[in-house]
Amino acid sequence: MELLSRAIGPLETNVYVLADVRTREAIAIDTAIPCLSWLSGLLVERGWTLKLIISTHGHWDHTGDNAAVQAWTRKQAAHAAGHGAVVAGANVAAATEPGGDPGPAANPARDPSGPEVGAPIAVHPLDRDRLIHPAPLFAPFEIPPSVPAVDLAEGGRVRFGDIDLEVLHTPGHTEGSVCLLDRDAGLLLSGDTLFAGSWGRTDLPGGSDEQMAASLARLSGMDDRVRVLPGHGPATLIGRERRWLERVKATGQLPG
């Protein structure tokens, strides 16, 4: 597994690219404006194929380049198809809520990407509308809409190559905020749920102190060695955050 990241845009959103170097398949997480140039450059340089664009939640600083990145992957796929190239399909699985119908885009037996679609966009169903109808929320530029095709529901899996990410629904920052957990690697991509020494703000539309406290309490149950890669700021470890996370779990309230 190879993980690359860069802080992008006016709010310095951490954009992550996670790749299986054996299969040369990759996913992008939180494609902020303007990440397309950096992202496309590293994909071309390494010969990686982008299989999925993930939004950990629907705020503009995490979704602004979704449409541009998807359009670029569509052109790349069409170019490869026109030249007779064979691209290995990723096993991208995303479960719906228990009892739900996963639908064709979430079927692990199918590859939803292709020349006509490009890399599909994934988000939790509760934040889907934020991508389709983006709210500016003080954004200094226009935010293009994007159309999700994969639901990142609780308990879903994102699998490609030898990498297996579990979807954790962690509301509080928005209704549909998620974290992605690689249990084998001890890695948590936490979006704007958990930061080093802090948590995502709850005073924006869709935010909730109670839900955030419950989500942080859930994360407190992880091993101290789990490495946390947040949506903003430096990486941390669950163990470094243990003291205040345990306080949140005990009180059911956010600190301060």
C-alpha atoms as a PDB file:
ATOM      1  CA  MET A   1       0.000   0.000   0.000  1.00  0.00           C
ATOM      2  CA  GLU A   2       1.170   3.519  -0.784  1.00  0.00           C
ATOM      3  CA  LEU A   3      -0.395   6.629   0.713  1.00  0.00           C
ATOM      4  CA  LEU A   4       0.199  10.142  -0.584  1.00  0.00           C
ATOM      5  CA  SER A   5      -1.352  13.386   0.626  1.00  0.00           C
ATOM      6  CA  ARG A   6      -1.271  17.128   0.139  1.00  0.00           C
ATOM      7  CA  ALA A   7      -2.977  20.070   1.859  1.00  0.00           C
ATOM      8  CA  ILE A   8      -5.063  21.756  -0.832  1.00  0.00           C
ATOM      9  CA  GLY A   9      -7.115  24.940  -1.115  1.00  0.00           C
ATOM     10  CA  PRO A  10      -7.895  27.917   1.140  1.00  0.00           C
ATOM     11  CA  LEU A  11      -8.807  25.696   4.105  1.00  0.00           C
ATOM     12  CA  GLU A  12      -5.812  23.381   3.549  1.00  0.00           C
ATOM     13  CA  THR A  13      -7.892  20.256   3.161  1.00  0.00           C
ATOM     14  CA  ASN A  14      -5.868  17.061   3.311  1.00  0.00           C
ATOM     15  CA  VAL A  15      -6.401  15.244   0.014  1.00  0.00           C
ATOM     16  CA  TYR A  16      -5.351  11.589   0.207  1.00  0.00           C
ATOM     17  CA  VAL A  17      -4.505   9.079  -2.496  1.00  0.00           C
ATOM     18  CA  LEU A  18      -4.344   5.455  -1.428  1.00  0.00           C
ATOM     19  CA  ALA A  19      -2.992   2.884  -3.875  1.00  0.00           C
ATOM     20  CA  ASP A  20      -2.313  -0.830  -4.166  1.00  0.00           C
ATOM     21  CA  VAL A  21       1.076  -0.830  -5.863  1.00  0.00           C
ATOM     22  CA  ARG A  22       0.636  -4.403  -7.087  1.00  0.00           C
ATOM     23  CA  THR A  23      -2.557  -3.794  -9.039  1.00  0.00           C
ATOM     24  CA  ARG A  24      -1.848  -0.072  -9.656  1.00  0.00           C
ATOM     25  CA  GLU A  25      -5.372   0.770  -8.495  1.00  0.00           C
ATOM     26  CA  ALA A  26      -5.987   3.856  -6.390  1.00  0.00           C
ATOM     27  CA  ILE A  27      -8.705   5.840  -4.671  1.00  0.00           C
ATOM     28  CA  ALA A  28      -8.810   9.572  -3.904  1.00  0.00           C
ATOM     29  CA  ILE A  29     -10.283  10.897  -0.678  1.00  0.00           C
ATOM     30  CA  ASP A  30     -11.676  14.442  -0.301  1.00  0.00           C
ATOM     31  CA  THR A  31     -10.752  15.985  -3.643  1.00  0.00           C
ATOM     32  CA  ALA A  32     -10.641  19.672  -2.747  1.00  0.00           C
ATOM     33  CA  ILE A  33     -10.225  22.490  -5.263  1.00  0.00           C
ATOM     34  CA  PRO A  34      -7.636  22.778  -6.783  1.00  0.00           C
ATOM     35  CA  CYS A  35      -6.238  19.240  -6.474  1.00  0.00           C
ATOM     36  CA  LEU A  36      -6.730  18.033 -10.071  1.00  0.00           C
ATOM     37  CA  SER A  37      -3.299  19.037 -11.362  1.00  0.00           C
ATOM     38  CA  TRP A  38      -1.448  17.404  -8.457  1.00  0.00           C
ATOM     39  CA  LEU A  39      -3.655  14.325  -8.430  1.00  0.00           C
ATOM     40  CA  SER A  40      -3.624  13.658 -12.168  1.00  0.00           C
ATOM     41  CA  GLY A  41       0.126  14.222 -12.302  1.00  0.00           C
ATOM     42  CA  LEU A  42       0.931  11.632  -9.652  1.00  0.00           C
ATOM     43  CA  LEU A  43      -1.494   9.103 -11.170  1.00  0.00           C
ATOM     44  CA  VAL A  44       0.090   9.442 -14.602  1.00  0.00           C
ATOM     45  CA  GLU A  45       3.614   9.404 -13.193  1.00  0.00           C
ATOM     46  CA  ARG A  46       3.007   6.183 -11.285  1.00  0.00           C
ATOM     47  CA  GLY A  47       0.755   4.514 -13.846  1.00  0.00           C
ATOM     48  CA  TRP A  48      -2.103   4.207 -11.348  1.00  0.00           C
ATOM     49  CA  THR A  49      -5.775   3.946 -12.307  1.00  0.00           C
ATOM     50  CA  LEU A  50      -8.182   5.899 -10.115  1.00  0.00           C
ATOM     51  CA  LYS A  51     -11.109   3.614  -9.247  1.00  0.00           C
ATOM     52  CA  LEU A  52     -13.120   5.689  -6.763  1.00  0.00           C
ATOM     53  CA  ILE A  53     -13.504   9.286  -5.541  1.00  0.00           C
ATOM     54  CA  ILE A  54     -14.537   9.355  -1.882  1.00  0.00           C
ATOM     55  CA  SER A  55     -16.021  12.297   0.011  1.00  0.00           C
ATOM     56  CA  THR A  56     -15.891  11.812   3.788  1.00  0.00           C
ATOM     57  CA  HIS A  57     -18.687  14.395   3.980  1.00  0.00           C
ATOM     58  CA  GLY A  58     -20.413  16.961   1.818  1.00  0.00           C
ATOM     59  CA  HIS A  59     -18.753  20.284   2.653  1.00  0.00           C
ATOM     60  CA  TRP A  60     -17.348  22.227  -0.306  1.00  0.00           C
ATOM     61  CA  ASP A  61     -13.742  22.110   0.897  1.00  0.00           C
ATOM     62  CA  HIS A  62     -13.821  18.301   0.577  1.00  0.00           C
ATOM     63  CA  THR A  63     -15.824  17.933  -2.633  1.00  0.00           C
ATOM     64  CA  GLY A  64     -14.970  20.883  -4.882  1.00  0.00           C
ATOM     65  CA  ASP A  65     -12.891  18.987  -7.447  1.00  0.00           C
ATOM     66  CA  ASN A  66     -15.053  15.830  -7.507  1.00  0.00           C
ATOM     67  CA  ALA A  67     -16.541  16.626 -10.906  1.00  0.00           C
ATOM     68  CA  ALA A  68     -13.226  17.739 -12.428  1.00  0.00           C
ATOM     69  CA  VAL A  69     -11.384  14.638 -11.218  1.00  0.00           C
ATOM     70  CA  GLN A  70     -14.167  12.372 -12.466  1.00  0.00           C
ATOM     71  CA  ALA A  71     -14.146  14.081 -15.886  1.00  0.00           C
ATOM     72  CA  TRP A  72     -10.367  13.590 -16.094  1.00  0.00           C
ATOM     73  CA  THR A  73     -10.678   9.876 -15.281  1.00  0.00           C
ATOM     74  CA  ARG A  74     -13.389   9.579 -17.946  1.00  0.00           C
ATOM     75  CA  LYS A  75     -11.015  10.983 -20.552  1.00  0.00           C
ATOM     76  CA  GLN A  76      -8.213   8.699 -19.375  1.00  0.00           C
ATOM     77  CA  ALA A  77     -10.480   5.646 -19.585  1.00  0.00           C
ATOM     78  CA  ALA A  78     -11.687   6.586 -23.051  1.00  0.00           C
ATOM     79  CA  HIS A  79      -8.110   7.099 -24.201  1.00  0.00           C
ATOM     80  CA  ALA A  80      -7.060   3.698 -22.809  1.00  0.00           C
ATOM     81  CA  ALA A  81     -10.055   1.986 -24.404  1.00  0.00           C
ATOM     82  CA  GLY A  82      -9.307   3.609 -27.754  1.00  0.00           C
ATOM     83  CA  HIS A  83      -5.758   2.289 -27.650  1.00  0.00           C
ATOM     84  CA  GLY A  84      -6.723  -1.255 -26.704  1.00  0.00           C
ATOM     85  CA  ALA A  85      -5.389  -1.011 -23.149  1.00  0.00           C
ATOM     86  CA  VAL A  86      -6.724  -3.421 -20.542  1.00  0.00           C
ATOM     87  CA  VAL A  87      -7.500  -1.923 -17.133  1.00  0.00           C
ATOM     88  CA  ALA A  88      -8.023  -4.351 -14.260  1.00  0.00           C
ATOM     89  CA  GLY A  89     -11.365  -3.873 -12.516  1.00  0.00           C
ATOM     90  CA  ALA A  90     -11.369  -2.985  -8.825  1.00  0.00           C
ATOM     91  CA  ASN A  91     -13.585  -4.741  -6.379  1.00  0.00           C
ATOM     92  CA  VAL A  92     -15.230  -1.651  -4.961  1.00  0.00           C
ATOM     93  CA  ALA A  93     -17.926  -2.664  -2.496  1.00  0.00           C
ATOM     94  CA  ALA A  94     -20.127  -0.290  -0.514  1.00  0.00           C
ATOM     95  CA  ALA A  95     -22.971  -1.700   1.538  1.00  0.00           C
ATOM     96  CA  THR A  96     -26.186   0.176   2.130  1.00  0.00           C
ATOM     97  CA  GLU A  97     -27.822   0.423   5.529  1.00  0.00           C
ATOM     98  CA  PRO A  98     -28.863  -2.992   6.903  1.00  0.00           C
ATOM     99  CA  GLY A  99     -31.752  -4.389   4.915  1.00  0.00           C
ATOM    100  CA  GLY A 100     -31.248  -1.944   2.049  1.00  0.00           C
ATOM    101  CA  ASP A 101     -30.876  -2.707  -1.631  1.00  0.00           C
ATOM    102  CA  PRO A 102     -27.237  -2.122  -2.591  1.00  0.00           C
ATOM    103  CA  GLY A 103     -28.117  -1.339  -6.209  1.00  0.00           C
ATOM    104  CA  PRO A 104     -25.813  -1.746  -9.198  1.00  0.00           C
ATOM    105  CA  ALA A 105     -23.246   0.856  -8.139  1.00  0.00           C
ATOM    106  CA  ALA A 106     -22.671  -0.870  -4.806  1.00  0.00           C
ATOM    107  CA  ASN A 107     -22.493  -4.408  -6.157  1.00  0.00           C
ATOM    108  CA  PRO A 108     -19.001  -5.797  -5.424  1.00  0.00           C
ATOM    109  CA  ALA A 109     -19.279  -8.133  -8.405  1.00  0.00           C
ATOM    110  CA  ARG A 110     -19.345  -5.215 -10.808  1.00  0.00           C
ATOM    111  CA  ASP A 111     -16.898  -2.432 -11.626  1.00  0.00           C
ATOM    112  CA  PRO A 112     -18.885   0.825 -11.890  1.00  0.00           C
ATOM    113  CA  SER A 113     -16.045   2.705 -13.550  1.00  0.00           C
ATOM    114  CA  GLY A 114     -15.550   2.855 -17.313  1.00  0.00           C
ATOM    115  CA  PRO A 115     -14.986   5.176 -20.274  1.00  0.00           C
ATOM    116  CA  GLU A 116     -18.526   6.593 -20.064  1.00  0.00           C
ATOM    117  CA  VAL A 117     -18.494   7.168 -16.298  1.00  0.00           C
ATOM    118  CA  GLY A 118     -14.921   7.479 -15.159  1.00  0.00           C
ATOM    119  CA  ALA A 119     -14.199   6.941 -11.470  1.00  0.00           C
ATOM    120  CA  PRO A 120     -17.503   6.938  -9.542  1.00  0.00           C
ATOM    121  CA  ILE A 121     -18.049   9.287  -6.608  1.00  0.00           C
ATOM    122  CA  ALA A 122     -18.893   7.865  -3.178  1.00  0.00           C
ATOM    123  CA  VAL A 123     -20.494   9.539  -0.160  1.00  0.00           C
ATOM    124  CA  HIS A 124     -22.857   8.608   2.662  1.00  0.00           C
ATOM    125  CA  PRO A 125     -26.506   8.799   1.547  1.00  0.00           C
ATOM    126  CA  LEU A 126     -27.289  11.513   4.122  1.00  0.00           C
ATOM    127  CA  ASP A 127     -24.729  13.850   2.509  1.00  0.00           C
ATOM    128  CA  ARG A 128     -25.594  12.973  -1.070  1.00  0.00           C
ATOM    129  CA  ASP A 129     -27.622  16.139  -1.635  1.00  0.00           C
ATOM    130  CA  ARG A 130     -24.716  18.311  -0.469  1.00  0.00           C
ATOM    131  CA  LEU A 131     -22.739  17.113  -3.504  1.00  0.00           C
ATOM    132  CA  ILE A 132     -25.584  17.470  -5.974  1.00  0.00           C
ATOM    133  CA  HIS A 133     -26.579  20.911  -4.647  1.00  0.00           C
ATOM    134  CA  PRO A 134     -23.414  22.306  -3.021  1.00  0.00           C
ATOM    135  CA  ALA A 135     -23.789  25.121  -0.489  1.00  0.00           C
ATOM    136  CA  PRO A 136     -21.010  27.740  -0.704  1.00  0.00           C
ATOM    137  CA  LEU A 137     -20.577  28.228   3.083  1.00  0.00           C
ATOM    138  CA  PHE A 138     -18.111  31.102   2.575  1.00  0.00           C
ATOM    139  CA  ALA A 139     -16.312  29.407  -0.324  1.00  0.00           C
ATOM    140  CA  PRO A 140     -14.180  31.933  -2.268  1.00  0.00           C
ATOM    141  CA  PHE A 141     -15.098  30.364  -5.623  1.00  0.00           C
ATOM    142  CA  GLU A 142     -17.938  28.475  -7.271  1.00  0.00           C
ATOM    143  CA  ILE A 143     -18.326  24.842  -6.245  1.00  0.00           C
ATOM    144  CA  PRO A 144     -19.345  22.572  -9.144  1.00  0.00           C
ATOM    145  CA  PRO A 145     -21.970  19.946  -8.354  1.00  0.00           C
ATOM    146  CA  SER A 146     -21.099  16.258  -8.537  1.00  0.00           C
ATOM    147  CA  VAL A 147     -23.279  13.156  -8.676  1.00  0.00           C
ATOM    148  CA  PRO A 148     -22.510  10.261  -6.309  1.00  0.00           C
ATOM    149  CA  ALA A 149     -22.990   6.718  -7.587  1.00  0.00           C
ATOM    150  CA  VAL A 150     -21.797   4.724  -4.554  1.00  0.00           C
ATOM    151  CA  ASP A 151     -23.272   4.845  -1.044  1.00  0.00           C
ATOM    152  CA  LEU A 152     -20.817   4.786   1.849  1.00  0.00           C
ATOM    153  CA  ALA A 153     -23.156   3.312   4.443  1.00  0.00           C
ATOM    154  CA  GLU A 154     -22.255   2.001   7.885  1.00  0.00           C
ATOM    155  CA  GLY A 155     -20.513  -1.354   7.608  1.00  0.00           C
ATOM    156  CA  GLY A 156     -19.783  -0.970   3.910  1.00  0.00           C
ATOM    157  CA  ARG A 157     -16.420  -1.947   2.456  1.00  0.00           C
ATOM    158  CA  VAL A 158     -14.169  -0.304  -0.087  1.00  0.00           C
ATOM    159  CA  ARG A 159     -11.934  -3.023  -1.522  1.00  0.00           C
ATOM    160  CA  PHE A 160      -9.315  -2.696  -4.234  1.00  0.00           C
ATOM    161  CA  GLY A 161      -6.239  -4.833  -4.702  1.00  0.00           C
ATOM    162  CA  ASP A 162      -5.271  -6.082  -1.247  1.00  0.00           C
ATOM    163  CA  ILE A 163      -6.705  -3.032   0.524  1.00  0.00           C
ATOM    164  CA  ASP A 164      -9.910  -3.286   2.522  1.00  0.00           C
ATOM    165  CA  LEU A 165     -11.449  -0.173   4.108  1.00  0.00           C
ATOM    166  CA  GLU A 166     -14.431  -0.362   6.457  1.00  0.00           C
ATOM    167  CA  VAL A 167     -16.949   2.492   6.419  1.00  0.00           C
ATOM    168  CA  LEU A 168     -17.819   3.953   9.839  1.00  0.00           C
ATOM    169  CA  HIS A 169     -20.774   6.347   9.921  1.00  0.00           C
ATOM    170  CA  THR A 170     -19.659   9.105  12.322  1.00  0.00           C
ATOM    171  CA  PRO A 171     -22.221  11.949  12.239  1.00  0.00           C
ATOM    172  CA  GLY A 172     -21.726  15.181  14.121  1.00  0.00           C
ATOM    173  CA  HIS A 173     -19.900  17.433  11.670  1.00  0.00           C
ATOM    174  CA  THR A 174     -22.580  16.620   9.093  1.00  0.00           C
ATOM    175  CA  GLU A 175     -25.350  14.043   9.117  1.00  0.00           C
ATOM    176  CA  GLY A 176     -23.457  11.804   6.687  1.00  0.00           C
ATOM    177  CA  SER A 177     -19.869  12.149   7.870  1.00  0.00           C
ATOM    178  CA  VAL A 178     -17.847   8.936   7.651  1.00  0.00           C
ATOM    179  CA  CYS A 179     -14.439   7.602   8.624  1.00  0.00           C
ATOM    180  CA  LEU A 180     -12.590   4.863   6.741  1.00  0.00           C
ATOM    181  CA  LEU A 181     -10.777   2.212   8.758  1.00  0.00           C
ATOM    182  CA  ASP A 182      -8.070  -0.149   7.531  1.00  0.00           C
ATOM    183  CA  ARG A 183      -7.944  -2.622  10.403  1.00  0.00           C
ATOM    184  CA  ASP A 184      -4.961  -4.540   9.035  1.00  0.00           C
ATOM    185  CA  ALA A 185      -2.832  -1.410   8.628  1.00  0.00           C
ATOM    186  CA  GLY A 186      -4.108   0.280  11.799  1.00  0.00           C
ATOM    187  CA  LEU A 187      -5.126   3.357   9.813  1.00  0.00           C
ATOM    188  CA  LEU A 188      -8.123   5.648  10.255  1.00  0.00           C
ATOM    189  CA  LEU A 189      -8.999   8.296   7.661  1.00  0.00           C
ATOM    190  CA  SER A 190     -11.159  10.442   9.907  1.00  0.00           C
ATOM    191  CA  GLY A 191     -12.390  13.270   7.668  1.00  0.00           C
ATOM    192  CA  ASP A 192     -13.603  16.137   9.831  1.00  0.00           C
ATOM    193  CA  THR A 193     -14.713  13.945  12.715  1.00  0.00           C
ATOM    194  CA  LEU A 194     -11.417  13.711  14.606  1.00  0.00           C
ATOM    195  CA  PHE A 195      -8.412  16.044  14.400  1.00  0.00           C
ATOM    196  CA  ALA A 196      -5.186  16.137  16.395  1.00  0.00           C
ATOM    197  CA  GLY A 197      -6.387  17.499  19.725  1.00  0.00           C
ATOM    198  CA  SER A 198      -9.799  18.499  18.415  1.00  0.00           C
ATOM    199  CA  TRP A 199     -12.887  17.611  16.386  1.00  0.00           C
ATOM    200  CA  GLY A 200     -14.902  18.997  13.498  1.00  0.00           C
ATOM    201  CA  ARG A 201     -17.104  22.002  14.203  1.00  0.00           C
ATOM    202  CA  THR A 202     -20.744  21.328  14.925  1.00  0.00           C
ATOM    203  CA  ASP A 203     -22.216  24.803  14.372  1.00  0.00           C
ATOM    204  CA  LEU A 204     -22.666  24.444  10.608  1.00  0.00           C
ATOM    205  CA  PRO A 205     -25.801  23.053   8.929  1.00  0.00           C
ATOM    206  CA  GLY A 206     -26.085  19.348   9.719  1.00  0.00           C
ATOM    207  CA  GLY A 207     -23.847  19.579  12.779  1.00  0.00           C
ATOM    208  CA  SER A 208     -24.760  18.145  16.175  1.00  0.00           C
ATOM    209  CA  ASP A 209     -22.898  18.230  19.503  1.00  0.00           C
ATOM    210  CA  GLU A 210     -24.671  15.074  20.665  1.00  0.00           C
ATOM    211  CA  GLN A 211     -23.895  13.104  17.516  1.00  0.00           C
ATOM    212  CA  MET A 212     -20.287  14.301  17.493  1.00  0.00           C
ATOM    213  CA  ALA A 213     -19.821  13.219  21.112  1.00  0.00           C
ATOM    214  CA  ALA A 214     -21.238   9.786  20.292  1.00  0.00           C
ATOM    215  CA  SER A 215     -18.974   9.437  17.239  1.00  0.00           C
ATOM    216  CA  LEU A 216     -15.867  10.440  19.204  1.00  0.00           C
ATOM    217  CA  ALA A 217     -16.806   8.028  21.979  1.00  0.00           C
ATOM    218  CA  ARG A 218     -16.991   5.288  19.370  1.00  0.00           C
ATOM    219  CA  LEU A 219     -13.517   6.115  18.058  1.00  0.00           C
ATOM    220  CA  SER A 220     -12.146   6.068  21.605  1.00  0.00           C
ATOM    221  CA  GLY A 221     -12.616   2.302  21.567  1.00  0.00           C
ATOM    222  CA  MET A 222      -9.847   1.844  18.996  1.00  0.00           C
ATOM    223  CA  ASP A 223      -6.319   0.703  19.779  1.00  0.00           C
ATOM    224  CA  ASP A 224      -3.827   3.372  20.854  1.00  0.00           C
ATOM    225  CA  ARG A 225      -1.613   2.510  17.878  1.00  0.00           C
ATOM    226  CA  VAL A 226      -4.222   3.375  15.239  1.00  0.00           C
ATOM    227  CA  ARG A 227      -2.851   6.195  13.110  1.00  0.00           C
ATOM    228  CA  VAL A 228      -5.365   8.955  12.424  1.00  0.00           C
ATOM    229  CA  LEU A 229      -5.240  10.896   9.150  1.00  0.00           C
ATOM    230  CA  PRO A 230      -7.676  13.815   9.488  1.00  0.00           C
ATOM    231  CA  GLY A 231      -9.290  16.107   6.947  1.00  0.00           C
ATOM    232  CA  HIS A 232      -7.228  19.058   8.182  1.00  0.00           C
ATOM    233  CA  GLY A 233      -4.003  19.398  10.115  1.00  0.00           C
ATOM    234  CA  PRO A 234      -1.367  16.871  11.165  1.00  0.00           C
ATOM    235  CA  ALA A 235      -1.733  13.156  11.663  1.00  0.00           C
ATOM    236  CA  THR A 236      -2.088  11.774  15.160  1.00  0.00           C
ATOM    237  CA  LEU A 237      -2.623   8.518  17.054  1.00  0.00           C
ATOM    238  CA  ILE A 238      -5.658   7.366  18.987  1.00  0.00           C
ATOM    239  CA  GLY A 239      -3.321   6.976  21.966  1.00  0.00           C
ATOM    240  CA  ARG A 240      -2.365  10.669  21.814  1.00  0.00           C
ATOM    241  CA  GLU A 241      -6.031  11.622  21.929  1.00  0.00           C
ATOM    242  CA  ARG A 242      -6.981   8.991  24.487  1.00  0.00           C
ATOM    243  CA  ARG A 243      -7.355  11.230  27.559  1.00  0.00           C
ATOM    244  CA  TRP A 244      -9.889  13.678  26.168  1.00  0.00           C
ATOM    245  CA  LEU A 245     -11.665  11.036  24.080  1.00  0.00           C
ATOM    246  CA  GLU A 246     -12.275   9.000  27.225  1.00  0.00           C
ATOM    247  CA  ARG A 247     -13.696  12.124  28.887  1.00  0.00           C
ATOM    248  CA  VAL A 248     -16.134  12.527  26.015  1.00  0.00           C
ATOM    249  CA  LYS A 249     -17.122   8.869  26.327  1.00  0.00           C
ATOM    250  CA  ALA A 250     -17.662   9.166  30.098  1.00  0.00           C
ATOM    251  CA  THR A 251     -19.675  12.400  30.008  1.00  0.00           C
ATOM    252  CA  GLY A 252     -21.429  12.092  26.655  1.00  0.00           C
ATOM    253  CA  GLN A 253     -20.467  15.710  25.998  1.00  0.00           C
ATOM    254  CA  LEU A 254     -17.831  17.597  24.042  1.00  0.00           C
ATOM    255  CA  PRO A 255     -15.056  19.223  26.110  1.00  0.00           C
ATOM    256  CA  GLY A 256     -15.381  22.850  27.132  1.00  0.00           C
END
